Structure formats: structure tokens, C-alpha cells
Amino acid sequence: MVGFEELATGHDHVALVYGDISGHTPVLARVHSECLTGDALFSLRCDCGFQLEAALTQIAEEGRGILLYHRQEGRNIGLLNKIRAYALQIKVTIP
């Protein structure tokens, strides 16, 4: 696991590196936007958790790869605004 700071924004991000990624052979990689509700809480309002699981499975099967976990919760609207959007979705869909 490698943590780094994005110079343009000052935000922290994480790269999970699996296996030996050195050399000239292409490496399987995924850039995954942070999604607490989907990744950790298994929300069914998005497919983020499923995408993350699929990417990690593919990397493990390949024996090497990189997952860049981009910390911009809620497509950069923030966690609280994302929760508010979920609440609004529920309110609109329930008669």
C-alpha cells in the first residue's frame, strides 16, 4: 500500500500494489473513486462495491496489478451531500 498526496488539490490517495509490477509487461490497473456507501456498507444504490470487488478479484487472478483508490467521495460532492442525495432519492421513489 502506497499513500500519496495529490499536489494540485492536497488530497490524499492510496495505491494498492499487488505482486511484482516492474518490467515492460503491461500491468492490470484500476482507478476507483472512493465510495464509502458502496465499498464498505454495500449500498445497492450504486455498483461501486461490486466494481471494486471485481477489480480486486481480477488483479488477484492476474497475480499482479494496481488499484488506485481515488479519494473523492460521491464523485467529489462529499459524503454528506451524497447521503442527502440518497435521502432525496428515497423520498421521491416512495409514494
C-alpha atoms as a PDB file:
ATOM      1  CA  MET A   1       0.000   0.000   0.000  1.00  0.00           C
ATOM      2  CA  VAL A   2       1.338   3.389  -1.002  1.00  0.00           C
ATOM      3  CA  GLY A   3      -0.173   6.657   0.144  1.00  0.00           C
ATOM      4  CA  PHE A   4       0.440   9.906  -1.668  1.00  0.00           C
ATOM      5  CA  GLU A   5      -0.746  13.497  -1.794  1.00  0.00           C
ATOM      6  CA  GLU A   6      -2.168  14.975  -4.980  1.00  0.00           C
ATOM      7  CA  LEU A   7      -0.194  18.187  -5.397  1.00  0.00           C
ATOM      8  CA  ALA A   8      -2.943  20.083  -7.234  1.00  0.00           C
ATOM      9  CA  THR A   9      -5.566  19.560  -4.500  1.00  0.00           C
ATOM     10  CA  GLY A  10      -3.717  18.395  -1.400  1.00  0.00           C
ATOM     11  CA  HIS A  11      -5.999  15.331  -1.221  1.00  0.00           C
ATOM     12  CA  ASP A  12      -4.586  12.016  -0.030  1.00  0.00           C
ATOM     13  CA  HIS A  13      -4.995   8.923  -2.201  1.00  0.00           C
ATOM     14  CA  VAL A  14      -3.948   5.283  -1.901  1.00  0.00           C
ATOM     15  CA  ALA A  15      -2.437   2.849  -4.377  1.00  0.00           C
ATOM     16  CA  LEU A  16      -2.695  -0.853  -3.599  1.00  0.00           C
ATOM     17  CA  VAL A  17       0.079  -2.691  -5.395  1.00  0.00           C
ATOM     18  CA  TYR A  18      -0.133  -6.467  -5.731  1.00  0.00           C
ATOM     19  CA  GLY A  19       2.716  -8.626  -6.971  1.00  0.00           C
ATOM     20  CA  ASP A  20       5.748  -7.560  -8.975  1.00  0.00           C
ATOM     21  CA  ILE A  21       4.775  -4.706 -11.282  1.00  0.00           C
ATOM     22  CA  SER A  22       8.289  -3.986 -12.540  1.00  0.00           C
ATOM     23  CA  GLY A  23       9.377  -4.705 -16.087  1.00  0.00           C
ATOM     24  CA  HIS A  24       7.981  -3.874 -19.501  1.00  0.00           C
ATOM     25  CA  THR A  25       4.888  -6.098 -19.458  1.00  0.00           C
ATOM     26  CA  PRO A  26       1.610  -4.138 -19.185  1.00  0.00           C
ATOM     27  CA  VAL A  27       0.083  -4.167 -15.705  1.00  0.00           C
ATOM     28  CA  LEU A  28      -3.621  -4.501 -14.915  1.00  0.00           C
ATOM     29  CA  ALA A  29      -4.779  -1.307 -13.208  1.00  0.00           C
ATOM     30  CA  ARG A  30      -7.992   0.278 -11.981  1.00  0.00           C
ATOM     31  CA  VAL A  31      -8.699   3.807 -10.808  1.00  0.00           C
ATOM     32  CA  HIS A  32     -11.545   3.535  -8.314  1.00  0.00           C
ATOM     33  CA  SER A  33     -13.352   6.563  -6.886  1.00  0.00           C
ATOM     34  CA  GLU A  34     -13.959   6.345  -3.152  1.00  0.00           C
ATOM     35  CA  CYS A  35     -17.496   5.290  -2.246  1.00  0.00           C
ATOM     36  CA  LEU A  36     -17.991   4.566   1.445  1.00  0.00           C
ATOM     37  CA  THR A  37     -21.626   3.584   0.997  1.00  0.00           C
ATOM     38  CA  GLY A  38     -20.915   1.124  -1.820  1.00  0.00           C
ATOM     39  CA  ASP A  39     -17.415  -0.090  -0.920  1.00  0.00           C
ATOM     40  CA  ALA A  40     -17.815  -0.589   2.825  1.00  0.00           C
ATOM     41  CA  LEU A  41     -21.556  -0.506   3.527  1.00  0.00           C
ATOM     42  CA  PHE A  42     -22.670  -2.494   0.435  1.00  0.00           C
ATOM     43  CA  SER A  43     -25.273   0.045  -0.690  1.00  0.00           C
ATOM     44  CA  LEU A  44     -27.441  -1.158  -3.550  1.00  0.00           C
ATOM     45  CA  ARG A  45     -27.910   2.425  -4.790  1.00  0.00           C
ATOM     46  CA  CYS A  46     -24.657   2.129  -6.730  1.00  0.00           C
ATOM     47  CA  ASP A  47     -22.436  -0.597  -8.130  1.00  0.00           C
ATOM     48  CA  CYS A  48     -19.182   0.777  -6.707  1.00  0.00           C
ATOM     49  CA  GLY A  49     -18.654  -2.065  -4.248  1.00  0.00           C
ATOM     50  CA  PHE A  50     -19.235  -4.648  -6.958  1.00  0.00           C
ATOM     51  CA  GLN A  51     -16.789  -2.866  -9.282  1.00  0.00           C
ATOM     52  CA  LEU A  52     -14.152  -2.715  -6.543  1.00  0.00           C
ATOM     53  CA  GLU A  53     -14.580  -6.401  -5.723  1.00  0.00           C
ATOM     54  CA  ALA A  54     -14.384  -7.367  -9.409  1.00  0.00           C
ATOM     55  CA  ALA A  55     -11.220  -5.316  -9.910  1.00  0.00           C
ATOM     56  CA  LEU A  56      -9.503  -6.810  -6.863  1.00  0.00           C
ATOM     57  CA  THR A  57     -10.508 -10.312  -7.986  1.00  0.00           C
ATOM     58  CA  GLN A  58      -9.064  -9.721 -11.468  1.00  0.00           C
ATOM     59  CA  ILE A  59      -5.832  -8.342 -10.017  1.00  0.00           C
ATOM     60  CA  ALA A  60      -5.511 -11.362  -7.703  1.00  0.00           C
ATOM     61  CA  GLU A  61      -6.179 -13.778 -10.580  1.00  0.00           C
ATOM     62  CA  GLU A  62      -3.608 -11.969 -12.740  1.00  0.00           C
ATOM     63  CA  GLY A  63      -1.074 -12.235  -9.910  1.00  0.00           C
ATOM     64  CA  ARG A  64      -0.151  -8.582 -10.111  1.00  0.00           C
ATOM     65  CA  GLY A  65      -1.726  -5.186 -10.567  1.00  0.00           C
ATOM     66  CA  ILE A  66      -2.514  -1.796  -9.127  1.00  0.00           C
ATOM     67  CA  LEU A  67      -5.681  -0.364  -7.643  1.00  0.00           C
ATOM     68  CA  LEU A  68      -5.599   3.420  -7.331  1.00  0.00           C
ATOM     69  CA  TYR A  69      -8.182   4.380  -4.713  1.00  0.00           C
ATOM     70  CA  HIS A  70      -9.049   7.968  -5.598  1.00  0.00           C
ATOM     71  CA  ARG A  71     -10.426   9.695  -2.522  1.00  0.00           C
ATOM     72  CA  GLN A  72     -13.165  11.886  -3.962  1.00  0.00           C
ATOM     73  CA  GLU A  73     -16.248  10.598  -2.164  1.00  0.00           C
ATOM     74  CA  GLY A  74     -19.507  10.914  -4.032  1.00  0.00           C
ATOM     75  CA  ARG A  75     -17.978  11.947  -7.357  1.00  0.00           C
ATOM     76  CA  ASN A  76     -16.437  14.838  -5.470  1.00  0.00           C
ATOM     77  CA  ILE A  77     -19.687  16.126  -3.928  1.00  0.00           C
ATOM     78  CA  GLY A  78     -18.672  14.824  -0.497  1.00  0.00           C
ATOM     79  CA  LEU A  79     -20.118  12.164   1.775  1.00  0.00           C
ATOM     80  CA  LEU A  80     -22.751  14.353   3.454  1.00  0.00           C
ATOM     81  CA  ASN A  81     -24.139  15.583   0.134  1.00  0.00           C
ATOM     82  CA  LYS A  82     -24.171  12.016  -1.150  1.00  0.00           C
ATOM     83  CA  ILE A  83     -26.217  10.926   1.886  1.00  0.00           C
ATOM     84  CA  ARG A  84     -28.588  13.844   1.279  1.00  0.00           C
ATOM     85  CA  ALA A  85     -28.968  12.741  -2.348  1.00  0.00           C
ATOM     86  CA  TYR A  86     -29.772   9.191  -1.207  1.00  0.00           C
ATOM     87  CA  ALA A  87     -32.424  10.551   1.182  1.00  0.00           C
ATOM     88  CA  LEU A  88     -33.953  12.594  -1.634  1.00  0.00           C
ATOM     89  CA  GLN A  89     -33.986   9.537  -3.923  1.00  0.00           C
ATOM     90  CA  ILE A  90     -35.836   7.563  -1.258  1.00  0.00           C
ATOM     91  CA  LYS A  91     -38.323  10.398  -0.688  1.00  0.00           C
ATOM     92  CA  VAL A  92     -39.049  10.725  -4.422  1.00  0.00           C
ATOM     93  CA  THR A  93     -39.454   6.978  -5.066  1.00  0.00           C
ATOM     94  CA  ILE A  94     -41.730   6.245  -2.091  1.00  0.00           C
ATOM     95  CA  PRO A  95     -45.339   7.379  -2.713  1.00  0.00           C
END
